[in-house]
Amino acid sequence: MVQQDRAPGAFLGPTQAMTDARGRFVFVQVPPGLEVFVYGRMESLGTRGQPALVTAETGADHAMTDLGNLSVRPVHVVAGRIVLTDARPMPAGTRIHLSRQEAWDWLEAEVSPDGHFRFEGVPPEPVALSTRVKGYRFSSRNPSLDWLNDRIVGTVTGDLAELTLELAPENERLHMRKPADGVDSQPLERPLLSADLH
């Protein structure tokens, strides 16, 4: 569980609860009157499925909020490769990070020498993908590019087995031009798309 309001000075951070053999859980000593998201962690549930993220409000002092039964929905694979425009090999130890937009939840994967990566157990939600390769940034040929934060964002709508992400040297102005009028700078609600390499 995590607060919806993450403003500095107000954010308390995420709270975890373990389920019993029947899947029941209880969060205790929760501050009253908070708007929160309740969710399952990708790392914990893996490929078994993921309950839909729930929006709730904590009750008054000493009150209990019953969320009812949380149905488990199918999860997806997000896999593909990172391509460098200058065709150089991927630096050893490169990692890629996948995070959910509303849940305080993320996965990290190692990128292989040929640029491939794989995530499993990803729910059908808006996510962000980020990586750090010294001297490179995501190119403008990534349609899911978040121009403000140099990351890839979009909604997972099914298995993505061949997602291609392109990185370009920072000095390649052609690939770092700003978005034209009408281009969404944060396309979170659109499907996650591969870079257009043609």
Protein backbone atom coordinates (compact mmCIF):
# COMPACT_ATOMS: atom_id res chain seq x y z
CA MET A 1 0.00 0.00 0.00
CA VAL A 2 1.20 3.50 -0.79
CA GLN A 3 -0.17 7.03 -0.53
CA GLN A 4 -1.49 8.72 -3.64
CA ASP A 5 -0.08 12.04 -2.43
CA ARG A 6 3.71 11.85 -2.63
CA ALA A 7 4.48 15.48 -1.96
CA PRO A 8 7.64 16.16 0.08
CA GLY A 9 6.87 16.40 3.78
CA ALA A 10 3.64 14.40 3.47
CA PHE A 11 4.73 11.12 1.89
CA LEU A 12 5.13 8.28 4.38
CA GLY A 13 6.47 5.67 1.96
CA PRO A 14 5.06 2.23 1.11
CA THR A 15 3.70 -0.25 3.67
CA GLN A 16 3.77 -4.01 3.17
CA ALA A 17 1.60 -6.81 4.53
CA MET A 18 2.04 -10.57 4.17
CA THR A 19 -0.86 -12.78 3.09
CA ASP A 20 -1.86 -15.95 4.90
CA ALA A 21 -2.54 -19.31 3.20
CA ARG A 22 -5.98 -18.08 2.10
CA GLY A 23 -4.65 -14.84 0.66
CA ARG A 24 -5.94 -12.59 3.48
CA PHE A 25 -3.92 -9.57 4.57
CA VAL A 26 -4.16 -6.73 7.09
CA PHE A 27 -2.38 -3.39 7.22
CA VAL A 28 -2.13 -2.20 10.82
CA GLN A 29 -1.42 1.20 12.41
CA VAL A 30 -2.28 3.06 9.20
CA PRO A 31 -2.80 6.84 9.57
CA PRO A 32 -6.46 7.85 9.11
CA GLY A 33 -7.88 9.77 6.18
CA LEU A 34 -5.27 8.84 3.57
CA GLU A 35 -6.02 8.19 -0.09
CA VAL A 36 -3.98 5.12 -1.00
CA PHE A 37 -3.24 2.55 -3.69
CA VAL A 38 -3.31 -1.13 -2.68
CA TYR A 39 -1.50 -3.56 -4.99
CA GLY A 40 0.53 -6.75 -5.22
CA ARG A 41 4.28 -6.56 -5.82
CA MET A 42 5.55 -7.91 -9.15
CA GLU A 43 8.59 -9.55 -7.55
CA SER A 44 6.41 -11.34 -4.99
CA LEU A 45 3.67 -12.68 -7.29
CA GLY A 46 5.76 -13.28 -10.41
CA THR A 47 3.91 -14.98 -13.26
CA ARG A 48 1.02 -16.19 -11.07
CA GLY A 49 -1.02 -13.05 -11.79
CA GLN A 50 -1.63 -9.69 -10.23
CA PRO A 51 -4.66 -8.22 -8.43
CA ALA A 52 -6.01 -5.06 -10.03
CA LEU A 53 -4.63 -1.97 -8.32
CA VAL A 54 -7.23 -0.66 -5.83
CA THR A 55 -7.87 2.97 -4.88
CA ALA A 56 -9.04 3.34 -1.28
CA GLU A 57 -9.23 5.76 1.64
CA THR A 58 -8.22 4.82 5.15
CA GLY A 59 -10.94 5.29 7.73
CA ALA A 60 -11.12 7.18 11.01
CA ASP A 61 -9.12 6.26 14.13
CA HIS A 62 -9.67 2.61 15.17
CA ALA A 63 -11.77 1.92 12.04
CA MET A 64 -11.26 -0.98 9.64
CA THR A 65 -11.60 -0.67 5.87
CA ASP A 66 -12.61 -3.89 4.10
CA LEU A 67 -11.44 -4.04 0.49
CA GLY A 68 -13.29 -7.28 -0.22
CA ASN A 69 -11.93 -9.93 -2.56
CA LEU A 70 -9.24 -8.77 -4.98
CA SER A 71 -9.43 -10.78 -8.20
CA VAL A 72 -6.15 -11.85 -9.76
CA ARG A 73 -5.73 -10.89 -13.42
CA PRO A 74 -3.23 -12.18 -16.01
CA VAL A 75 0.20 -10.58 -16.24
CA HIS A 76 2.49 -10.08 -19.20
CA VAL A 77 6.04 -10.35 -20.49
CA VAL A 78 7.89 -7.19 -21.51
CA ALA A 79 11.03 -8.19 -23.37
CA GLY A 80 13.17 -6.92 -26.21
CA ARG A 81 16.46 -5.24 -26.90
CA ILE A 82 18.26 -1.94 -26.59
CA VAL A 83 19.97 -0.72 -29.76
CA LEU A 84 22.76 1.86 -29.92
CA THR A 85 22.62 3.98 -33.10
CA ASP A 86 26.39 3.82 -33.56
CA ALA A 87 26.29 -0.01 -33.39
CA ARG A 88 28.71 -0.18 -30.47
CA PRO A 89 28.43 -3.14 -28.07
CA MET A 90 26.37 -2.77 -24.94
CA PRO A 91 28.59 -1.85 -21.96
CA ALA A 92 29.03 -4.68 -19.46
CA GLY A 93 26.77 -4.48 -16.43
CA THR A 94 24.07 -2.36 -18.10
CA ARG A 95 20.73 -2.68 -16.34
CA ILE A 96 17.19 -1.64 -17.24
CA HIS A 97 14.49 -0.61 -14.77
CA LEU A 98 10.71 -1.11 -15.14
CA SER A 99 8.40 0.74 -12.74
CA ARG A 100 4.63 1.05 -12.39
CA GLN A 101 3.06 4.49 -12.59
CA GLU A 102 0.83 4.40 -9.50
CA ALA A 103 2.07 1.46 -7.44
CA TRP A 104 5.40 1.90 -5.62
CA ASP A 105 6.76 -1.15 -7.40
CA TRP A 106 9.57 -1.92 -9.84
CA LEU A 107 11.72 -4.63 -11.40
CA GLU A 108 15.30 -4.49 -12.62
CA ALA A 109 16.93 -6.70 -15.26
CA GLU A 110 20.41 -7.10 -16.63
CA VAL A 111 20.91 -6.24 -20.30
CA SER A 112 22.83 -8.89 -22.25
CA PRO A 113 25.88 -7.96 -24.35
CA ASP A 114 23.69 -7.95 -27.47
CA GLY A 115 21.14 -5.62 -25.80
CA HIS A 116 18.39 -8.07 -24.85
CA PHE A 117 16.32 -7.83 -21.66
CA ARG A 118 13.24 -9.54 -20.21
CA PHE A 119 10.65 -8.79 -17.52
CA GLU A 120 7.92 -11.21 -16.40
CA GLY A 121 4.83 -10.67 -14.24
CA VAL A 122 4.06 -7.15 -15.52
CA PRO A 123 0.40 -6.09 -14.98
CA PRO A 124 -1.66 -4.36 -17.69
CA GLU A 125 -0.95 -0.83 -16.47
CA PRO A 126 1.07 2.27 -17.39
CA VAL A 127 4.79 1.62 -16.81
CA ALA A 128 8.10 3.38 -17.31
CA LEU A 129 11.37 1.91 -18.62
CA SER A 130 14.67 3.59 -17.87
CA THR A 131 18.34 2.77 -18.32
CA ARG A 132 21.68 4.55 -18.06
CA VAL A 133 24.41 4.17 -20.66
CA LYS A 134 27.15 6.78 -20.33
CA GLY A 135 27.09 9.27 -23.20
CA TYR A 136 23.70 8.11 -24.59
CA ARG A 137 20.05 9.13 -24.36
CA PHE A 138 16.83 7.71 -25.80
CA SER A 139 16.46 8.87 -29.40
CA SER A 140 13.48 10.66 -30.92
CA ARG A 141 12.62 7.52 -32.90
CA ASN A 142 11.10 6.01 -29.71
CA PRO A 143 7.36 6.84 -30.02
CA SER A 144 6.87 6.14 -26.30
CA LEU A 145 9.57 8.61 -25.24
CA ASP A 146 8.87 10.78 -22.20
CA TRP A 147 10.77 13.87 -23.33
CA LEU A 148 10.69 15.51 -19.91
CA ASN A 149 12.35 12.66 -18.01
CA ASP A 150 14.35 10.74 -20.68
CA ARG A 151 12.53 7.44 -20.20
CA ILE A 152 10.11 5.23 -22.13
CA VAL A 153 6.50 5.24 -20.91
CA GLY A 154 3.26 3.60 -22.00
CA THR A 155 0.57 1.12 -21.10
CA VAL A 156 1.17 -2.62 -21.22
CA THR A 157 -1.79 -4.15 -23.09
CA GLY A 158 -0.41 -7.65 -23.69
CA ASP A 159 2.83 -9.60 -24.04
CA LEU A 160 5.63 -7.57 -25.64
CA ALA A 161 8.27 -10.03 -26.78
CA GLU A 162 10.16 -7.81 -29.24
CA LEU A 163 10.16 -4.29 -27.81
CA THR A 164 13.01 -2.29 -29.35
CA LEU A 165 14.43 0.77 -27.56
CA GLU A 166 16.95 3.02 -29.28
CA LEU A 167 19.72 5.01 -27.60
CA ALA A 168 21.70 7.68 -29.44
CA PRO A 169 24.91 9.53 -28.51
CA GLU A 170 24.08 12.76 -26.70
CA ASN A 171 25.84 14.82 -29.39
CA GLU A 172 23.57 13.53 -32.19
CA ARG A 173 21.24 16.51 -32.43
CA LEU A 174 19.13 14.78 -35.06
CA HIS A 175 18.00 12.25 -32.50
CA MET A 176 17.56 14.73 -29.65
CA ARG A 177 15.27 17.28 -31.29
CA LYS A 178 12.34 18.44 -29.20
CA PRO A 179 8.84 17.05 -29.90
CA ALA A 180 6.81 18.84 -32.53
CA ASP A 181 3.50 20.51 -31.75
CA GLY A 182 0.89 17.93 -30.88
CA VAL A 183 3.38 15.26 -29.80
CA ASP A 184 2.61 13.91 -26.34
CA SER A 185 5.60 14.51 -24.05
CA GLN A 186 4.38 11.83 -21.61
CA PRO A 187 2.38 9.18 -23.54
CA LEU A 188 1.49 7.10 -20.48
CA GLU A 189 -2.02 6.19 -21.59
CA ARG A 190 -0.94 5.00 -25.03
CA PRO A 191 0.29 1.45 -25.70
CA LEU A 192 4.01 0.88 -25.17
CA LEU A 193 5.61 0.92 -28.64
CA SER A 194 8.93 -0.05 -30.23
CA ALA A 195 11.33 2.44 -31.74
CA ASP A 196 10.80 3.14 -35.44
CA LEU A 197 14.14 2.10 -36.93
CA HIS A 198 13.05 2.28 -40.60
